[in-house]
Amino acid sequence: MSKLKCAVIGAGYLGKFHAEKYASLKDCELVAVVDVNAEAAQTVAAKHGALALTDYQSLLGQVDAVSIVVPTTLHHKVSLDFLRAGSHVLVEKPITVTVEEADELIAVAREQNVILQVGHLERFNPAVRGIENLEEKPLFIESHRLSPFNPRANDVSVVLDLMIHDIDIILALVDSEVARIDASGTAVLTKGTDIANARITFENGCVANVTASRISMKMERKMRMFRPCSYISVDFQNRIVVKHKTGDKEMFPGIPEIVTEESVFENGDALLEEIKHFVNCIKTGEKPLVSGEAGRKALATAIEISKFLINQ
């Protein structure tokens, strides 16, 4: 197969890393970097010998695959244009602003028989890959995603910026429909919600208590899962998975011992793995780990949580 002609739409903080990854892959050719800021486009493109553009329209029908790394409000329009032109699309999270927009992208991708992948980067964290195939579904999940304030991501609330990562992971782990949502949150530094907590009850009985903050003094990305006879702790930031489970011996009469197993994963390049997965799906026709449908489910849940916060 000849090299895939790839382009990155959006040359901001994250877009420049997308360009770097495509340029590093032997089966890809980074042909263009696009940004409305000509200087930003030129800076990134020149580094990789690509064409710098301020308008993506000339690329429609000319590239095999694109990363859409523009503000969330533009995800739908830009992705739709490329999907209709027959390009494979990797769009950053959240997939779109509304569920209806997500549905349209999914439908067009299906009609055009192209890959639509959503950039939920945490799914490619080695620690997450270590808990994907659990023998038993969790009964209770608690997650905390805390971050110091960063003015770069203020176009969306903390729910769509940070919490959606954990929502996506939890939906994949539980694999059950949402039955009920309760949530609370508040604005602190911005006009949107800066700290939020949601309690998600699933039809299979599992409950997830999810907290996200972008006004913390420390960085923390942890999840804890409780299952029959076991407890799993995941530290996404340090890539550590600790499993506690009952053993065959007794620590007291009639009380089983607790056996602990800790796994520390190497510091991988999650974005590179995400883009390599995208490229592999294009070549094989395999369904992406984070498909358009998965991105839609995470968005729909995040929107329902946000409705509670708006009405407070």
C-alpha atoms as a PDB file:
ATOM      1  CA  MET A   1       0.000   0.000   0.000  1.00  0.00           C
ATOM      2  CA  SER A   2       1.353   3.458  -0.859  1.00  0.00           C
ATOM      3  CA  LYS A   3       1.801   6.055   1.841  1.00  0.00           C
ATOM      4  CA  LEU A   4      -1.346   7.647   3.209  1.00  0.00           C
ATOM      5  CA  LYS A   5      -1.575  11.324   2.370  1.00  0.00           C
ATOM      6  CA  CYS A   6      -2.387  12.992   5.700  1.00  0.00           C
ATOM      7  CA  ALA A   7      -3.138  16.507   6.897  1.00  0.00           C
ATOM      8  CA  VAL A   8      -3.658  18.196  10.249  1.00  0.00           C
ATOM      9  CA  ILE A   9      -6.370  20.833  10.544  1.00  0.00           C
ATOM     10  CA  GLY A  10      -5.469  23.114  13.432  1.00  0.00           C
ATOM     11  CA  ALA A  11      -1.886  24.011  14.332  1.00  0.00           C
ATOM     12  CA  GLY A  12      -2.394  24.955  17.960  1.00  0.00           C
ATOM     13  CA  TYR A  13      -0.935  23.290  21.048  1.00  0.00           C
ATOM     14  CA  LEU A  14      -2.238  19.795  20.287  1.00  0.00           C
ATOM     15  CA  GLY A  15      -2.266  20.085  16.499  1.00  0.00           C
ATOM     16  CA  LYS A  16       1.503  20.478  16.330  1.00  0.00           C
ATOM     17  CA  PHE A  17       1.903  17.126  18.096  1.00  0.00           C
ATOM     18  CA  HIS A  18      -0.487  15.433  15.663  1.00  0.00           C
ATOM     19  CA  ALA A  19       1.659  16.749  12.804  1.00  0.00           C
ATOM     20  CA  GLU A  20       4.799  15.462  14.494  1.00  0.00           C
ATOM     21  CA  LYS A  21       3.374  11.940  14.842  1.00  0.00           C
ATOM     22  CA  TYR A  22       2.192  11.683  11.239  1.00  0.00           C
ATOM     23  CA  ALA A  23       5.577  12.898  10.028  1.00  0.00           C
ATOM     24  CA  SER A  24       7.291  10.174  12.058  1.00  0.00           C
ATOM     25  CA  LEU A  25       5.303   7.284  10.554  1.00  0.00           C
ATOM     26  CA  LYS A  26       6.850   5.541   7.559  1.00  0.00           C
ATOM     27  CA  ASP A  27       3.462   4.664   6.049  1.00  0.00           C
ATOM     28  CA  CYS A  28       2.210   8.278   6.192  1.00  0.00           C
ATOM     29  CA  GLU A  29       3.068  11.442   4.315  1.00  0.00           C
ATOM     30  CA  LEU A  30       2.174  14.679   6.059  1.00  0.00           C
ATOM     31  CA  VAL A  31       1.208  16.802   3.070  1.00  0.00           C
ATOM     32  CA  ALA A  32      -0.323  19.850   4.775  1.00  0.00           C
ATOM     33  CA  VAL A  33      -0.926  21.702   8.018  1.00  0.00           C
ATOM     34  CA  VAL A  34      -3.867  24.109   8.105  1.00  0.00           C
ATOM     35  CA  ASP A  35      -4.631  26.952  10.481  1.00  0.00           C
ATOM     36  CA  VAL A  36      -6.402  30.288  10.128  1.00  0.00           C
ATOM     37  CA  ASN A  37      -3.275  31.738  11.710  1.00  0.00           C
ATOM     38  CA  ALA A  38      -0.833  31.656   8.783  1.00  0.00           C
ATOM     39  CA  GLU A  39       2.199  31.986  11.034  1.00  0.00           C
ATOM     40  CA  ALA A  40       1.153  29.035  13.187  1.00  0.00           C
ATOM     41  CA  ALA A  41       0.518  26.880  10.115  1.00  0.00           C
ATOM     42  CA  GLN A  42       3.866  27.840   8.592  1.00  0.00           C
ATOM     43  CA  THR A  43       5.807  27.169  11.801  1.00  0.00           C
ATOM     44  CA  VAL A  44       4.470  23.622  12.137  1.00  0.00           C
ATOM     45  CA  ALA A  45       4.463  22.785   8.423  1.00  0.00           C
ATOM     46  CA  ALA A  46       8.026  23.982   7.814  1.00  0.00           C
ATOM     47  CA  LYS A  47       9.315  21.721  10.557  1.00  0.00           C
ATOM     48  CA  HIS A  48       8.047  18.666   8.678  1.00  0.00           C
ATOM     49  CA  GLY A  49       8.370  19.777   5.063  1.00  0.00           C
ATOM     50  CA  ALA A  50       4.603  20.070   4.605  1.00  0.00           C
ATOM     51  CA  LEU A  51       2.454  22.651   2.862  1.00  0.00           C
ATOM     52  CA  ALA A  52       1.099  25.462   5.069  1.00  0.00           C
ATOM     53  CA  LEU A  53      -2.501  26.559   4.382  1.00  0.00           C
ATOM     54  CA  THR A  54      -5.027  28.863   5.987  1.00  0.00           C
ATOM     55  CA  ASP A  55      -8.093  27.245   4.334  1.00  0.00           C
ATOM     56  CA  TYR A  56      -8.688  23.493   4.294  1.00  0.00           C
ATOM     57  CA  GLN A  57     -11.119  23.558   1.361  1.00  0.00           C
ATOM     58  CA  SER A  58      -8.395  22.949  -1.237  1.00  0.00           C
ATOM     59  CA  LEU A  59      -7.539  19.650   0.515  1.00  0.00           C
ATOM     60  CA  LEU A  60     -11.011  18.138   0.134  1.00  0.00           C
ATOM     61  CA  GLY A  61     -10.693  15.025  -2.001  1.00  0.00           C
ATOM     62  CA  GLN A  62      -6.904  15.383  -2.037  1.00  0.00           C
ATOM     63  CA  VAL A  63      -5.920  13.608   1.201  1.00  0.00           C
ATOM     64  CA  ASP A  64      -6.571  10.130   2.573  1.00  0.00           C
ATOM     65  CA  ALA A  65      -6.758  11.022   6.258  1.00  0.00           C
ATOM     66  CA  VAL A  66      -6.954  14.068   8.520  1.00  0.00           C
ATOM     67  CA  SER A  67      -6.734  14.970  12.166  1.00  0.00           C
ATOM     68  CA  ILE A  68      -9.278  17.626  13.121  1.00  0.00           C
ATOM     69  CA  VAL A  69      -7.733  19.660  15.951  1.00  0.00           C
ATOM     70  CA  VAL A  70      -9.827  22.832  15.885  1.00  0.00           C
ATOM     71  CA  PRO A  71     -12.170  24.373  18.494  1.00  0.00           C
ATOM     72  CA  THR A  72     -15.050  22.070  19.417  1.00  0.00           C
ATOM     73  CA  THR A  73     -17.616  24.328  17.755  1.00  0.00           C
ATOM     74  CA  LEU A  74     -15.954  23.616  14.394  1.00  0.00           C
ATOM     75  CA  HIS A  75     -15.626  19.824  14.781  1.00  0.00           C
ATOM     76  CA  HIS A  76     -18.876  19.076  12.993  1.00  0.00           C
ATOM     77  CA  LYS A  77     -18.423  21.316   9.957  1.00  0.00           C
ATOM     78  CA  VAL A  78     -14.774  20.464   9.272  1.00  0.00           C
ATOM     79  CA  SER A  79     -15.195  16.733   9.912  1.00  0.00           C
ATOM     80  CA  LEU A  80     -18.336  16.602   7.767  1.00  0.00           C
ATOM     81  CA  ASP A  81     -16.575  18.258   4.828  1.00  0.00           C
ATOM     82  CA  PHE A  82     -13.732  15.747   4.888  1.00  0.00           C
ATOM     83  CA  LEU A  83     -15.979  12.718   5.445  1.00  0.00           C
ATOM     84  CA  ARG A  84     -18.150  13.718   2.480  1.00  0.00           C
ATOM     85  CA  ALA A  85     -14.981  14.065   0.406  1.00  0.00           C
ATOM     86  CA  GLY A  86     -14.036  10.467   1.276  1.00  0.00           C
ATOM     87  CA  SER A  87     -11.264  11.147   3.799  1.00  0.00           C
ATOM     88  CA  HIS A  88     -10.791   9.176   7.007  1.00  0.00           C
ATOM     89  CA  VAL A  89     -11.180  11.428  10.058  1.00  0.00           C
ATOM     90  CA  LEU A  90      -9.650  11.487  13.520  1.00  0.00           C
ATOM     91  CA  VAL A  91     -11.481  14.259  15.381  1.00  0.00           C
ATOM     92  CA  GLU A  92     -10.455  15.457  18.813  1.00  0.00           C
ATOM     93  CA  LYS A  93     -12.828  15.027  21.737  1.00  0.00           C
ATOM     94  CA  PRO A  94     -15.588  15.863  22.301  1.00  0.00           C
ATOM     95  CA  ILE A  95     -16.728  14.574  18.916  1.00  0.00           C
ATOM     96  CA  THR A  96     -19.133  17.516  18.365  1.00  0.00           C
ATOM     97  CA  VAL A  97     -21.195  20.053  20.292  1.00  0.00           C
ATOM     98  CA  THR A  98     -24.508  18.177  19.996  1.00  0.00           C
ATOM     99  CA  VAL A  99     -25.603  14.554  19.723  1.00  0.00           C
ATOM    100  CA  GLU A 100     -27.420  15.375  16.469  1.00  0.00           C
ATOM    101  CA  GLU A 101     -24.169  16.592  14.940  1.00  0.00           C
ATOM    102  CA  ALA A 102     -22.416  13.408  16.089  1.00  0.00           C
ATOM    103  CA  ASP A 103     -25.174  11.289  14.536  1.00  0.00           C
ATOM    104  CA  GLU A 104     -24.665  13.021  11.197  1.00  0.00           C
ATOM    105  CA  LEU A 105     -20.909  12.390  11.224  1.00  0.00           C
ATOM    106  CA  ILE A 106     -21.469   8.729  12.059  1.00  0.00           C
ATOM    107  CA  ALA A 107     -24.045   8.342   9.277  1.00  0.00           C
ATOM    108  CA  VAL A 108     -21.860  10.024   6.642  1.00  0.00           C
ATOM    109  CA  ALA A 109     -18.797   7.998   7.661  1.00  0.00           C
ATOM    110  CA  ARG A 110     -20.871   4.839   7.236  1.00  0.00           C
ATOM    111  CA  GLU A 111     -22.204   5.971   3.845  1.00  0.00           C
ATOM    112  CA  GLN A 112     -18.718   6.829   2.598  1.00  0.00           C
ATOM    113  CA  ASN A 113     -17.204   3.677   4.134  1.00  0.00           C
ATOM    114  CA  VAL A 114     -14.470   5.656   5.885  1.00  0.00           C
ATOM    115  CA  ILE A 115     -13.054   5.561   9.405  1.00  0.00           C
ATOM    116  CA  LEU A 116     -14.320   8.022  12.006  1.00  0.00           C
ATOM    117  CA  GLN A 117     -12.239   7.923  15.178  1.00  0.00           C
ATOM    118  CA  VAL A 118     -12.567  10.209  18.213  1.00  0.00           C
ATOM    119  CA  GLY A 119      -9.506  11.449  20.080  1.00  0.00           C
ATOM    120  CA  HIS A 120     -10.161  10.176  23.584  1.00  0.00           C
ATOM    121  CA  LEU A 121      -6.435   9.976  24.242  1.00  0.00           C
ATOM    122  CA  GLU A 122      -6.665   8.364  27.690  1.00  0.00           C
ATOM    123  CA  ARG A 123      -7.873   5.119  26.089  1.00  0.00           C
ATOM    124  CA  PHE A 124      -4.316   4.688  24.792  1.00  0.00           C
ATOM    125  CA  ASN A 125      -2.741   5.129  28.208  1.00  0.00           C
ATOM    126  CA  PRO A 126      -0.883   1.852  28.952  1.00  0.00           C
ATOM    127  CA  ALA A 127      -2.616   1.647  32.336  1.00  0.00           C
ATOM    128  CA  VAL A 128      -6.050   1.725  30.670  1.00  0.00           C
ATOM    129  CA  ARG A 129      -5.023  -0.972  28.229  1.00  0.00           C
ATOM    130  CA  GLY A 130      -4.130  -3.067  31.299  1.00  0.00           C
ATOM    131  CA  ILE A 131      -7.732  -3.079  32.616  1.00  0.00           C
ATOM    132  CA  GLU A 132      -9.710  -3.385  29.380  1.00  0.00           C
ATOM    133  CA  ASN A 133     -10.486  -7.088  29.671  1.00  0.00           C
ATOM    134  CA  LEU A 134     -11.802  -7.439  33.204  1.00  0.00           C
ATOM    135  CA  GLU A 135     -13.157 -10.860  34.111  1.00  0.00           C
ATOM    136  CA  GLU A 136     -16.018  -9.313  36.081  1.00  0.00           C
ATOM    137  CA  LYS A 137     -17.814  -6.021  35.539  1.00  0.00           C
ATOM    138  CA  PRO A 138     -17.353  -3.422  38.326  1.00  0.00           C
ATOM    139  CA  LEU A 139     -20.136  -2.771  40.827  1.00  0.00           C
ATOM    140  CA  PHE A 140     -18.890   0.652  41.919  1.00  0.00           C
ATOM    141  CA  ILE A 141     -16.431   3.072  40.330  1.00  0.00           C
ATOM    142  CA  GLU A 142     -14.916   6.231  41.741  1.00  0.00           C
ATOM    143  CA  SER A 143     -12.779   8.548  39.629  1.00  0.00           C
ATOM    144  CA  HIS A 144     -10.952  11.825  40.226  1.00  0.00           C
ATOM    145  CA  ARG A 145      -9.470  13.929  37.426  1.00  0.00           C
ATOM    146  CA  LEU A 146      -7.961  17.090  38.869  1.00  0.00           C
ATOM    147  CA  SER A 147      -5.861  19.685  37.096  1.00  0.00           C
ATOM    148  CA  PRO A 148      -4.468  23.179  37.725  1.00  0.00           C
ATOM    149  CA  PHE A 149      -6.145  25.932  35.733  1.00  0.00           C
ATOM    150  CA  ASN A 150      -5.193  26.120  32.057  1.00  0.00           C
ATOM    151  CA  PRO A 151      -6.696  28.973  29.970  1.00  0.00           C
ATOM    152  CA  ARG A 152      -6.219  26.936  26.769  1.00  0.00           C
ATOM    153  CA  ALA A 153      -9.351  24.780  27.195  1.00  0.00           C
ATOM    154  CA  ASN A 154     -11.942  27.339  28.229  1.00  0.00           C
ATOM    155  CA  ASP A 155     -14.204  26.898  25.198  1.00  0.00           C
ATOM    156  CA  VAL A 156     -15.938  24.005  27.010  1.00  0.00           C
ATOM    157  CA  SER A 157     -16.896  23.192  30.618  1.00  0.00           C
ATOM    158  CA  VAL A 158     -14.819  20.933  32.849  1.00  0.00           C
ATOM    159  CA  VAL A 159     -17.303  18.146  32.031  1.00  0.00           C
ATOM    160  CA  LEU A 160     -16.507  18.242  28.299  1.00  0.00           C
ATOM    161  CA  ASP A 161     -12.841  19.084  28.853  1.00  0.00           C
ATOM    162  CA  LEU A 162     -11.740  16.656  31.591  1.00  0.00           C
ATOM    163  CA  MET A 163     -14.593  14.533  32.939  1.00  0.00           C
ATOM    164  CA  ILE A 164     -15.444  13.185  29.493  1.00  0.00           C
ATOM    165  CA  HIS A 165     -12.209  11.159  29.526  1.00  0.00           C
ATOM    166  CA  ASP A 166     -13.429   9.175  32.542  1.00  0.00           C
ATOM    167  CA  ILE A 167     -16.981   9.018  31.209  1.00  0.00           C
ATOM    168  CA  ASP A 168     -15.657   7.358  28.045  1.00  0.00           C
ATOM    169  CA  ILE A 169     -13.546   4.836  29.976  1.00  0.00           C
ATOM    170  CA  ILE A 170     -16.371   4.033  32.409  1.00  0.00           C
ATOM    171  CA  LEU A 171     -18.927   3.510  29.626  1.00  0.00           C
ATOM    172  CA  ALA A 172     -16.555   1.053  27.948  1.00  0.00           C
ATOM    173  CA  LEU A 173     -15.835  -0.833  31.184  1.00  0.00           C
ATOM    174  CA  VAL A 174     -19.417  -1.087  32.428  1.00  0.00           C
ATOM    175  CA  ASP A 175     -20.961  -1.805  29.004  1.00  0.00           C
ATOM    176  CA  SER A 176     -24.511  -1.051  30.166  1.00  0.00           C
ATOM    177  CA  GLU A 177     -27.022   1.678  29.440  1.00  0.00           C
ATOM    178  CA  VAL A 178     -27.224   4.671  31.777  1.00  0.00           C
ATOM    179  CA  ALA A 179     -30.337   4.581  33.961  1.00  0.00           C
ATOM    180  CA  ARG A 180     -29.950   7.765  35.998  1.00  0.00           C
ATOM    181  CA  ILE A 181     -27.646  10.747  36.436  1.00  0.00           C
ATOM    182  CA  ASP A 182     -27.290  13.198  39.333  1.00  0.00           C
ATOM    183  CA  ALA A 183     -24.709  15.979  39.253  1.00  0.00           C
ATOM    184  CA  SER A 184     -23.547  19.189  40.868  1.00  0.00           C
ATOM    185  CA  GLY A 185     -20.861  21.733  40.096  1.00  0.00           C
ATOM    186  CA  THR A 186     -19.908  25.368  40.049  1.00  0.00           C
ATOM    187  CA  ALA A 187     -18.001  28.085  38.238  1.00  0.00           C
ATOM    188  CA  VAL A 188     -14.978  29.480  40.039  1.00  0.00           C
ATOM    189  CA  LEU A 189     -12.584  31.129  37.598  1.00  0.00           C
ATOM    190  CA  THR A 190     -14.571  31.092  34.367  1.00  0.00           C
ATOM    191  CA  LYS A 191     -18.187  31.590  33.282  1.00  0.00           C
ATOM    192  CA  GLY A 192     -18.519  27.834  32.772  1.00  0.00           C
ATOM    193  CA  THR A 193     -18.361  24.966  35.258  1.00  0.00           C
ATOM    194  CA  ASP A 194     -14.853  24.554  36.689  1.00  0.00           C
ATOM    195  CA  ILE A 195     -15.485  21.763  39.193  1.00  0.00           C
ATOM    196  CA  ALA A 196     -18.150  19.069  38.940  1.00  0.00           C
ATOM    197  CA  ASN A 197     -19.275  15.773  40.407  1.00  0.00           C
ATOM    198  CA  ALA A 198     -21.623  13.273  38.801  1.00  0.00           C
ATOM    199  CA  ARG A 199     -23.215  10.084  40.052  1.00  0.00           C
ATOM    200  CA  ILE A 200     -24.074   7.762  37.166  1.00  0.00           C
ATOM    201  CA  THR A 201     -26.303   4.746  37.805  1.00  0.00           C
ATOM    202  CA  PHE A 202     -26.345   2.038  35.134  1.00  0.00           C
ATOM    203  CA  GLU A 203     -29.111  -0.398  34.270  1.00  0.00           C
ATOM    204  CA  ASN A 204     -26.950  -3.340  35.403  1.00  0.00           C
ATOM    205  CA  GLY A 205     -26.704  -1.827  38.898  1.00  0.00           C
ATOM    206  CA  CYS A 206     -23.209  -0.366  38.689  1.00  0.00           C
ATOM    207  CA  VAL A 207     -22.744   3.130  40.119  1.00  0.00           C
ATOM    208  CA  ALA A 208     -19.965   5.544  39.113  1.00  0.00           C
ATOM    209  CA  ASN A 209     -19.039   8.593  41.175  1.00  0.00           C
ATOM    210  CA  VAL A 210     -17.057  10.923  38.907  1.00  0.00           C
ATOM    211  CA  THR A 211     -15.271  14.125  39.939  1.00  0.00           C
ATOM    212  CA  ALA A 212     -13.422  16.586  37.710  1.00  0.00           C
ATOM    213  CA  SER A 213     -11.750  19.899  38.539  1.00  0.00           C
ATOM    214  CA  ARG A 214      -9.641  22.323  36.542  1.00  0.00           C
ATOM    215  CA  ILE A 215      -8.909  24.598  39.498  1.00  0.00           C
ATOM    216  CA  SER A 216      -6.865  22.228  41.651  1.00  0.00           C
ATOM    217  CA  MET A 217      -3.415  22.825  43.071  1.00  0.00           C
ATOM    218  CA  LYS A 218      -2.244  19.404  41.911  1.00  0.00           C
ATOM    219  CA  MET A 219      -2.593  17.041  38.981  1.00  0.00           C
ATOM    220  CA  GLU A 220      -4.407  13.773  39.684  1.00  0.00           C
ATOM    221  CA  ARG A 221      -5.960  11.173  37.366  1.00  0.00           C
ATOM    222  CA  LYS A 222      -7.140   8.155  39.331  1.00  0.00           C
ATOM    223  CA  MET A 223      -9.922   5.601  39.171  1.00  0.00           C
ATOM    224  CA  ARG A 224     -10.965   2.934  41.654  1.00  0.00           C
ATOM    225  CA  MET A 225     -13.173  -0.017  40.805  1.00  0.00           C
ATOM    226  CA  PHE A 226     -14.882  -2.371  43.221  1.00  0.00           C
ATOM    227  CA  ARG A 227     -15.996  -5.822  42.129  1.00  0.00           C
ATOM    228  CA  PRO A 228     -17.037  -8.999  43.974  1.00  0.00           C
ATOM    229  CA  CYS A 229     -13.999 -10.091  46.008  1.00  0.00           C
ATOM    230  CA  SER A 230     -11.669  -7.527  44.429  1.00  0.00           C
ATOM    231  CA  TYR A 231     -10.662  -3.867  44.236  1.00  0.00           C
ATOM    232  CA  ILE A 232      -8.635  -2.228  41.475  1.00  0.00           C
ATOM    233  CA  SER A 233      -6.866   1.125  41.670  1.00  0.00           C
ATOM    234  CA  VAL A 234      -5.657   2.838  38.488  1.00  0.00           C
ATOM    235  CA  ASP A 235      -3.256   5.781  38.491  1.00  0.00           C
ATOM    236  CA  PHE A 236      -3.391   7.093  34.916  1.00  0.00           C
ATOM    237  CA  GLN A 237      -0.753   9.728  35.518  1.00  0.00           C
ATOM    238  CA  ASN A 238       1.906   7.339  36.846  1.00  0.00           C
ATOM    239  CA  ARG A 239       0.634   4.329  34.847  1.00  0.00           C
ATOM    240  CA  ILE A 240       0.178   2.090  37.890  1.00  0.00           C
ATOM    241  CA  VAL A 241      -2.526  -0.559  38.296  1.00  0.00           C
ATOM    242  CA  VAL A 242      -2.935  -2.172  41.725  1.00  0.00           C
ATOM    243  CA  LYS A 243      -5.258  -5.156  42.109  1.00  0.00           C
ATOM    244  CA  HIS A 244      -6.389  -6.376  45.530  1.00  0.00           C
ATOM    245  CA  LYS A 245      -8.347  -9.625  45.634  1.00  0.00           C
ATOM    246  CA  THR A 246      -9.220 -12.423  48.015  1.00  0.00           C
ATOM    247  CA  GLY A 247      -6.815 -15.361  48.028  1.00  0.00           C
ATOM    248  CA  ASP A 248      -7.054 -19.054  48.833  1.00  0.00           C
ATOM    249  CA  LYS A 249      -5.661 -18.757  52.380  1.00  0.00           C
ATOM    250  CA  GLU A 250      -7.194 -17.163  55.471  1.00  0.00           C
ATOM    251  CA  MET A 251      -5.838 -14.158  57.378  1.00  0.00           C
ATOM    252  CA  PHE A 252      -8.376 -14.831  60.171  1.00  0.00           C
ATOM    253  CA  PRO A 253     -10.639 -17.847  60.677  1.00  0.00           C
ATOM    254  CA  GLY A 254     -13.307 -17.668  58.001  1.00  0.00           C
ATOM    255  CA  ILE A 255     -11.815 -14.480  56.519  1.00  0.00           C
ATOM    256  CA  PRO A 256      -9.846 -14.888  53.273  1.00  0.00           C
ATOM    257  CA  GLU A 257      -6.457 -13.279  52.819  1.00  0.00           C
ATOM    258  CA  ILE A 258      -6.008 -10.262  50.559  1.00  0.00           C
ATOM    259  CA  VAL A 259      -3.546 -10.704  47.726  1.00  0.00           C
ATOM    260  CA  THR A 260      -2.072  -7.593  46.114  1.00  0.00           C
ATOM    261  CA  GLU A 261      -0.655  -7.377  42.602  1.00  0.00           C
ATOM    262  CA  GLU A 262       0.916  -4.164  41.274  1.00  0.00           C
ATOM    263  CA  SER A 263       1.708  -3.466  37.636  1.00  0.00           C
ATOM    264  CA  VAL A 264       3.755  -0.467  36.537  1.00  0.00           C
ATOM    265  CA  PHE A 265       3.595   0.285  32.826  1.00  0.00           C
ATOM    266  CA  GLU A 266       6.286   1.984  30.783  1.00  0.00           C
ATOM    267  CA  ASN A 267       5.784   5.601  29.817  1.00  0.00           C
ATOM    268  CA  GLY A 268       4.461   5.221  26.289  1.00  0.00           C
ATOM    269  CA  ASP A 269       3.462   7.837  23.718  1.00  0.00           C
ATOM    270  CA  ALA A 270      -0.348   7.728  23.884  1.00  0.00           C
ATOM    271  CA  LEU A 271      -0.856  10.146  20.978  1.00  0.00           C
ATOM    272  CA  LEU A 272       1.484   8.189  18.733  1.00  0.00           C
ATOM    273  CA  GLU A 273      -0.349   4.964  19.624  1.00  0.00           C
ATOM    274  CA  GLU A 274      -3.692   6.654  18.933  1.00  0.00           C
ATOM    275  CA  ILE A 275      -2.599   7.810  15.476  1.00  0.00           C
ATOM    276  CA  LYS A 276      -0.946   4.460  14.683  1.00  0.00           C
ATOM    277  CA  HIS A 277      -4.237   2.784  15.614  1.00  0.00           C
ATOM    278  CA  PHE A 278      -6.103   5.205  13.329  1.00  0.00           C
ATOM    279  CA  VAL A 279      -3.760   4.406  10.441  1.00  0.00           C
ATOM    280  CA  ASN A 280      -4.079   0.669  11.075  1.00  0.00           C
ATOM    281  CA  CYS A 281      -7.885   0.900  11.059  1.00  0.00           C
ATOM    282  CA  ILE A 282      -7.709   2.685   7.697  1.00  0.00           C
ATOM    283  CA  LYS A 283      -5.567  -0.111   6.274  1.00  0.00           C
ATOM    284  CA  THR A 284      -7.503  -3.044   7.732  1.00  0.00           C
ATOM    285  CA  GLY A 285     -11.048  -1.687   7.960  1.00  0.00           C
ATOM    286  CA  GLU A 286     -11.045  -2.555  11.664  1.00  0.00           C
ATOM    287  CA  LYS A 287     -13.427  -0.590  13.901  1.00  0.00           C
ATOM    288  CA  PRO A 288     -11.539   2.015  15.959  1.00  0.00           C
ATOM    289  CA  LEU A 289     -11.131   1.520  19.688  1.00  0.00           C
ATOM    290  CA  VAL A 290     -12.887   4.874  20.113  1.00  0.00           C
ATOM    291  CA  SER A 291     -15.361   4.896  17.240  1.00  0.00           C
ATOM    292  CA  GLY A 292     -17.795   7.639  16.350  1.00  0.00           C
ATOM    293  CA  GLU A 293     -20.449   5.693  18.249  1.00  0.00           C
ATOM    294  CA  ALA A 294     -18.262   5.564  21.391  1.00  0.00           C
ATOM    295  CA  GLY A 295     -17.564   9.283  21.100  1.00  0.00           C
ATOM    296  CA  ARG A 296     -21.287   9.930  20.745  1.00  0.00           C
ATOM    297  CA  LYS A 297     -22.117   7.927  23.889  1.00  0.00           C
ATOM    298  CA  ALA A 298     -19.534   9.844  25.913  1.00  0.00           C
ATOM    299  CA  LEU A 299     -20.860  13.155  24.559  1.00  0.00           C
ATOM    300  CA  ALA A 300     -24.490  12.258  25.259  1.00  0.00           C
ATOM    301  CA  THR A 301     -23.667  11.346  28.863  1.00  0.00           C
ATOM    302  CA  ALA A 302     -21.586  14.501  29.326  1.00  0.00           C
ATOM    303  CA  ILE A 303     -24.445  16.631  27.978  1.00  0.00           C
ATOM    304  CA  GLU A 304     -26.918  15.028  30.405  1.00  0.00           C
ATOM    305  CA  ILE A 305     -24.534  15.780  33.276  1.00  0.00           C
ATOM    306  CA  SER A 306     -24.141  19.363  32.041  1.00  0.00           C
ATOM    307  CA  LYS A 307     -27.933  19.860  32.063  1.00  0.00           C
ATOM    308  CA  PHE A 308     -27.933  19.403  35.855  1.00  0.00           C
ATOM    309  CA  LEU A 309     -25.227  22.031  36.203  1.00  0.00           C
ATOM    310  CA  ILE A 310     -27.006  24.566  33.975  1.00  0.00           C
ATOM    311  CA  ASN A 311     -30.228  24.209  35.967  1.00  0.00           C
ATOM    312  CA  GLN A 312     -28.600  24.734  39.375  1.00  0.00           C
END
